[in-house]
């Protein structure tokens, strides 16, 4: 696998991981007793957003997920034929 492919795949996994870990640990004003929402702010906006924690968590999750992806690429634990749950479609002609 080329370096450019490795970087692109890691970046895609990192963005997906960032969206997955984004809501972890966030609190809204409804969950705090004495927090007053200022004028012009949404009631559903988080009050404790920490982008560094999101970046760190996404990096950890993406690194683990990419390591598993790359090991699967090297050793072929799961292949495309393993994911074919329904068999060949009707009328399929194998050209190999």
N, C-alpha and C. Protein backbone atom coordinates (compact mmCIF):
# COMPACT_ATOMS: atom_id res chain seq x y z
N UNK A 1 0.85 -1.17 0.00
CA UNK A 1 0.00 0.00 0.00
C UNK A 1 0.90 1.23 0.00
N UNK A 2 0.58 2.18 -0.86
CA UNK A 2 1.37 3.39 -0.98
C UNK A 2 1.12 4.32 0.20
N UNK A 3 2.09 5.19 0.45
CA UNK A 3 1.99 6.13 1.57
C UNK A 3 0.80 7.06 1.41
N UNK A 4 0.53 7.51 0.20
CA UNK A 4 -0.61 8.40 -0.02
C UNK A 4 -1.93 7.70 0.31
N UNK A 5 -2.02 6.40 0.01
CA UNK A 5 -3.22 5.64 0.36
C UNK A 5 -3.35 5.49 1.87
N UNK A 6 -2.24 5.25 2.54
CA UNK A 6 -2.25 5.12 4.00
C UNK A 6 -2.74 6.42 4.64
N UNK A 7 -2.22 7.54 4.17
CA UNK A 7 -2.61 8.84 4.73
C UNK A 7 -4.09 9.13 4.46
N UNK A 8 -4.55 8.85 3.24
CA UNK A 8 -5.96 9.11 2.91
C UNK A 8 -6.90 8.24 3.74
N UNK A 9 -6.57 6.96 3.88
CA UNK A 9 -7.43 6.06 4.65
C UNK A 9 -7.43 6.45 6.12
N UNK A 10 -6.26 6.79 6.67
CA UNK A 10 -6.20 7.22 8.07
C UNK A 10 -7.02 8.49 8.27
N UNK A 11 -6.93 9.43 7.33
CA UNK A 11 -7.70 10.67 7.45
C UNK A 11 -9.20 10.40 7.45
N UNK A 12 -9.65 9.50 6.58
CA UNK A 12 -11.08 9.15 6.55
C UNK A 12 -11.52 8.50 7.86
N UNK A 13 -10.70 7.59 8.36
CA UNK A 13 -11.03 6.94 9.63
C UNK A 13 -11.02 7.95 10.76
N UNK A 14 -10.08 8.93 10.72
CA UNK A 14 -10.01 9.92 11.79
C UNK A 14 -11.26 10.81 11.80
N UNK A 15 -11.71 11.23 10.63
CA UNK A 15 -12.91 12.08 10.56
C UNK A 15 -14.12 11.32 11.08
N UNK A 16 -14.27 10.07 10.67
CA UNK A 16 -15.37 9.25 11.16
C UNK A 16 -15.28 9.09 12.68
N UNK A 17 -14.07 8.86 13.20
CA UNK A 17 -13.88 8.71 14.64
C UNK A 17 -14.21 10.00 15.38
N UNK A 18 -13.87 11.14 14.78
CA UNK A 18 -14.18 12.42 15.41
C UNK A 18 -15.69 12.60 15.58
N UNK A 19 -16.45 12.22 14.57
CA UNK A 19 -17.91 12.32 14.69
C UNK A 19 -18.47 11.34 15.71
N UNK A 20 -17.81 10.20 15.84
CA UNK A 20 -18.28 9.20 16.82
C UNK A 20 -18.01 9.67 18.25
N UNK A 21 -16.84 10.24 18.51
CA UNK A 21 -16.48 10.63 19.87
C UNK A 21 -16.93 12.05 20.23
N UNK A 22 -17.43 12.79 19.28
CA UNK A 22 -17.82 14.19 19.53
C UNK A 22 -18.82 14.36 20.68
N UNK A 23 -19.89 13.57 20.77
CA UNK A 23 -20.84 13.81 21.86
C UNK A 23 -20.44 13.24 23.22
N UNK A 24 -19.34 12.53 23.30
CA UNK A 24 -18.94 11.90 24.57
C UNK A 24 -18.53 12.98 25.57
N UNK A 25 -19.18 13.00 26.70
CA UNK A 25 -18.82 13.91 27.78
C UNK A 25 -19.43 15.30 27.70
N UNK A 26 -20.23 15.58 26.70
CA UNK A 26 -20.83 16.91 26.59
C UNK A 26 -22.05 17.02 27.50
N UNK A 27 -22.24 18.21 28.04
CA UNK A 27 -23.41 18.49 28.88
C UNK A 27 -24.12 19.71 28.33
N UNK A 28 -25.44 19.70 28.43
CA UNK A 28 -26.24 20.84 28.00
C UNK A 28 -26.66 21.63 29.23
N UNK A 29 -27.18 22.86 29.04
CA UNK A 29 -27.62 23.64 30.20
C UNK A 29 -28.71 22.94 31.01
N UNK A 30 -29.49 22.06 30.39
CA UNK A 30 -30.54 21.34 31.11
C UNK A 30 -29.94 20.42 32.18
N UNK A 31 -28.72 19.95 31.96
CA UNK A 31 -28.10 19.01 32.88
C UNK A 31 -27.36 19.69 34.03
N UNK A 32 -27.23 21.00 33.98
CA UNK A 32 -26.58 21.76 35.05
C UNK A 32 -27.67 22.52 35.82
N UNK A 33 -27.55 22.54 37.12
CA UNK A 33 -28.59 23.17 37.94
C UNK A 33 -28.56 24.69 37.89
N UNK A 34 -27.42 25.29 38.06
CA UNK A 34 -27.34 26.75 38.20
C UNK A 34 -26.84 27.46 36.95
N UNK A 35 -26.86 26.82 35.82
CA UNK A 35 -26.33 27.44 34.60
C UNK A 35 -27.43 28.22 33.91
N UNK A 36 -27.16 29.48 33.63
CA UNK A 36 -28.12 30.35 32.93
C UNK A 36 -27.68 30.49 31.48
N UNK A 37 -28.61 30.29 30.58
CA UNK A 37 -28.33 30.43 29.15
C UNK A 37 -28.39 31.91 28.79
N UNK A 38 -27.35 32.40 28.13
CA UNK A 38 -27.30 33.80 27.73
C UNK A 38 -28.20 34.07 26.54
N UNK A 39 -28.50 35.34 26.30
CA UNK A 39 -29.35 35.67 25.16
C UNK A 39 -28.64 35.34 23.84
N UNK A 40 -29.39 34.74 22.92
CA UNK A 40 -28.84 34.40 21.63
C UNK A 40 -28.18 33.04 21.55
N UNK A 41 -28.13 32.32 22.66
CA UNK A 41 -27.54 30.98 22.68
C UNK A 41 -28.64 29.93 22.68
N UNK A 42 -28.37 28.85 21.96
CA UNK A 42 -29.35 27.76 21.90
C UNK A 42 -29.36 26.99 23.21
N UNK A 43 -30.55 26.56 23.61
CA UNK A 43 -30.67 25.77 24.84
C UNK A 43 -29.97 24.42 24.72
N UNK A 44 -29.81 23.93 23.50
CA UNK A 44 -29.20 22.61 23.31
C UNK A 44 -27.69 22.68 23.09
N UNK A 45 -27.11 23.88 23.10
CA UNK A 45 -25.67 24.02 22.87
C UNK A 45 -24.89 23.49 24.07
N UNK A 46 -23.81 22.76 23.83
CA UNK A 46 -23.03 22.24 24.96
C UNK A 46 -22.34 23.37 25.72
N UNK A 47 -22.20 23.17 27.03
CA UNK A 47 -21.57 24.20 27.85
C UNK A 47 -20.12 23.86 28.18
N UNK A 48 -19.69 22.65 27.86
CA UNK A 48 -18.33 22.25 28.21
C UNK A 48 -17.61 21.62 27.02
N UNK A 49 -17.74 22.21 25.84
CA UNK A 49 -17.08 21.67 24.65
C UNK A 49 -15.57 21.86 24.76
N UNK A 50 -14.84 20.76 24.60
CA UNK A 50 -13.38 20.79 24.68
C UNK A 50 -12.80 20.17 23.41
N UNK A 51 -12.42 20.99 22.43
CA UNK A 51 -11.95 20.45 21.15
C UNK A 51 -10.65 19.64 21.29
N UNK A 52 -9.81 19.97 22.25
CA UNK A 52 -8.58 19.18 22.43
C UNK A 52 -8.88 17.75 22.84
N UNK A 53 -9.88 17.57 23.69
CA UNK A 53 -10.26 16.22 24.11
C UNK A 53 -10.87 15.45 22.94
N UNK A 54 -11.66 16.12 22.13
CA UNK A 54 -12.23 15.47 20.95
C UNK A 54 -11.11 15.05 20.01
N UNK A 55 -10.14 15.93 19.79
CA UNK A 55 -9.01 15.61 18.93
C UNK A 55 -8.22 14.42 19.47
N UNK A 56 -7.95 14.42 20.78
CA UNK A 56 -7.19 13.33 21.39
C UNK A 56 -7.95 12.01 21.32
N UNK A 57 -9.22 12.04 21.67
CA UNK A 57 -10.02 10.81 21.63
C UNK A 57 -10.16 10.28 20.20
N UNK A 58 -10.39 11.18 19.25
CA UNK A 58 -10.52 10.76 17.85
C UNK A 58 -9.21 10.18 17.34
N UNK A 59 -8.09 10.75 17.74
CA UNK A 59 -6.79 10.23 17.32
C UNK A 59 -6.54 8.84 17.88
N UNK A 60 -6.89 8.62 19.12
CA UNK A 60 -6.70 7.30 19.74
C UNK A 60 -7.58 6.26 19.06
N UNK A 61 -8.86 6.59 18.88
CA UNK A 61 -9.79 5.64 18.26
C UNK A 61 -9.38 5.38 16.80
N UNK A 62 -9.00 6.43 16.07
CA UNK A 62 -8.61 6.26 14.67
C UNK A 62 -7.33 5.45 14.54
N UNK A 63 -6.39 5.63 15.44
CA UNK A 63 -5.15 4.87 15.38
C UNK A 63 -5.40 3.39 15.61
N UNK A 64 -6.24 3.08 16.58
CA UNK A 64 -6.58 1.67 16.84
C UNK A 64 -7.34 1.08 15.65
N UNK A 65 -8.32 1.82 15.13
CA UNK A 65 -9.11 1.32 14.00
C UNK A 65 -8.23 1.15 12.75
N UNK A 66 -7.32 2.10 12.52
CA UNK A 66 -6.45 1.98 11.35
C UNK A 66 -5.47 0.82 11.51
N UNK A 67 -4.98 0.60 12.73
CA UNK A 67 -4.08 -0.54 12.95
C UNK A 67 -4.80 -1.85 12.64
N UNK A 68 -6.05 -1.97 13.07
CA UNK A 68 -6.83 -3.17 12.75
C UNK A 68 -7.07 -3.29 11.25
N UNK A 69 -7.37 -2.17 10.60
CA UNK A 69 -7.58 -2.18 9.15
C UNK A 69 -6.30 -2.62 8.44
N UNK A 70 -5.16 -2.08 8.83
CA UNK A 70 -3.91 -2.40 8.15
C UNK A 70 -3.49 -3.84 8.40
N UNK A 71 -3.70 -4.33 9.62
CA UNK A 71 -3.39 -5.73 9.90
C UNK A 71 -4.29 -6.65 9.08
N UNK A 72 -5.54 -6.27 8.92
CA UNK A 72 -6.44 -7.06 8.07
C UNK A 72 -5.97 -7.00 6.62
N UNK A 73 -5.47 -5.86 6.19
CA UNK A 73 -4.94 -5.73 4.83
C UNK A 73 -3.74 -6.66 4.64
N UNK A 74 -2.87 -6.73 5.63
CA UNK A 74 -1.68 -7.57 5.52
C UNK A 74 -2.00 -9.06 5.59
N UNK A 75 -2.83 -9.45 6.53
CA UNK A 75 -3.06 -10.86 6.81
C UNK A 75 -4.35 -11.42 6.22
N UNK A 76 -5.23 -10.57 5.72
CA UNK A 76 -6.45 -11.03 5.05
C UNK A 76 -7.42 -11.77 5.95
N UNK A 77 -7.62 -11.31 7.16
CA UNK A 77 -8.55 -11.96 8.09
C UNK A 77 -9.97 -11.97 7.54
N UNK A 78 -10.40 -10.81 7.02
CA UNK A 78 -11.75 -10.67 6.46
C UNK A 78 -11.59 -10.19 5.02
N UNK A 79 -12.16 -10.93 4.08
CA UNK A 79 -12.08 -10.55 2.68
C UNK A 79 -13.47 -10.19 2.16
N UNK A 80 -13.53 -9.76 0.93
CA UNK A 80 -14.82 -9.40 0.33
C UNK A 80 -15.74 -10.61 0.25
N UNK A 81 -15.17 -11.78 -0.04
CA UNK A 81 -16.01 -12.98 -0.12
C UNK A 81 -16.59 -13.37 1.24
N UNK A 82 -15.93 -12.98 2.33
CA UNK A 82 -16.47 -13.24 3.67
C UNK A 82 -17.70 -12.38 3.97
N UNK A 83 -17.82 -11.26 3.29
CA UNK A 83 -18.93 -10.34 3.54
C UNK A 83 -20.11 -10.58 2.61
N UNK A 84 -20.01 -11.56 1.72
CA UNK A 84 -21.10 -11.88 0.80
C UNK A 84 -22.07 -12.84 1.50
N UNK A 85 -23.08 -12.27 2.16
CA UNK A 85 -24.01 -13.06 2.95
C UNK A 85 -25.13 -13.68 2.12
N UNK A 86 -25.39 -13.15 0.94
CA UNK A 86 -26.56 -13.56 0.17
C UNK A 86 -26.22 -14.41 -1.04
N UNK A 87 -24.96 -14.73 -1.24
CA UNK A 87 -24.58 -15.53 -2.41
C UNK A 87 -24.53 -14.68 -3.67
N UNK A 88 -24.33 -15.35 -4.78
CA UNK A 88 -24.26 -14.64 -6.06
C UNK A 88 -25.64 -14.21 -6.50
N UNK A 89 -25.74 -13.03 -7.08
CA UNK A 89 -27.05 -12.60 -7.59
C UNK A 89 -27.44 -13.43 -8.80
N UNK A 90 -28.74 -13.53 -9.07
CA UNK A 90 -29.18 -14.30 -10.24
C UNK A 90 -28.63 -13.70 -11.52
N UNK A 91 -28.14 -14.56 -12.40
CA UNK A 91 -27.60 -14.10 -13.67
C UNK A 91 -26.17 -13.63 -13.61
N UNK A 92 -25.49 -13.82 -12.46
CA UNK A 92 -24.11 -13.38 -12.31
C UNK A 92 -23.20 -14.31 -13.10
N UNK A 93 -22.30 -13.72 -13.89
CA UNK A 93 -21.35 -14.51 -14.67
C UNK A 93 -19.95 -14.18 -14.15
N UNK A 94 -19.23 -15.19 -13.70
CA UNK A 94 -17.87 -15.02 -13.19
C UNK A 94 -16.91 -15.01 -14.37
N UNK A 95 -16.22 -13.88 -14.57
CA UNK A 95 -15.35 -13.72 -15.73
C UNK A 95 -13.89 -14.04 -15.43
N UNK A 96 -13.62 -14.73 -14.35
CA UNK A 96 -12.23 -15.07 -14.04
C UNK A 96 -11.88 -16.45 -14.52
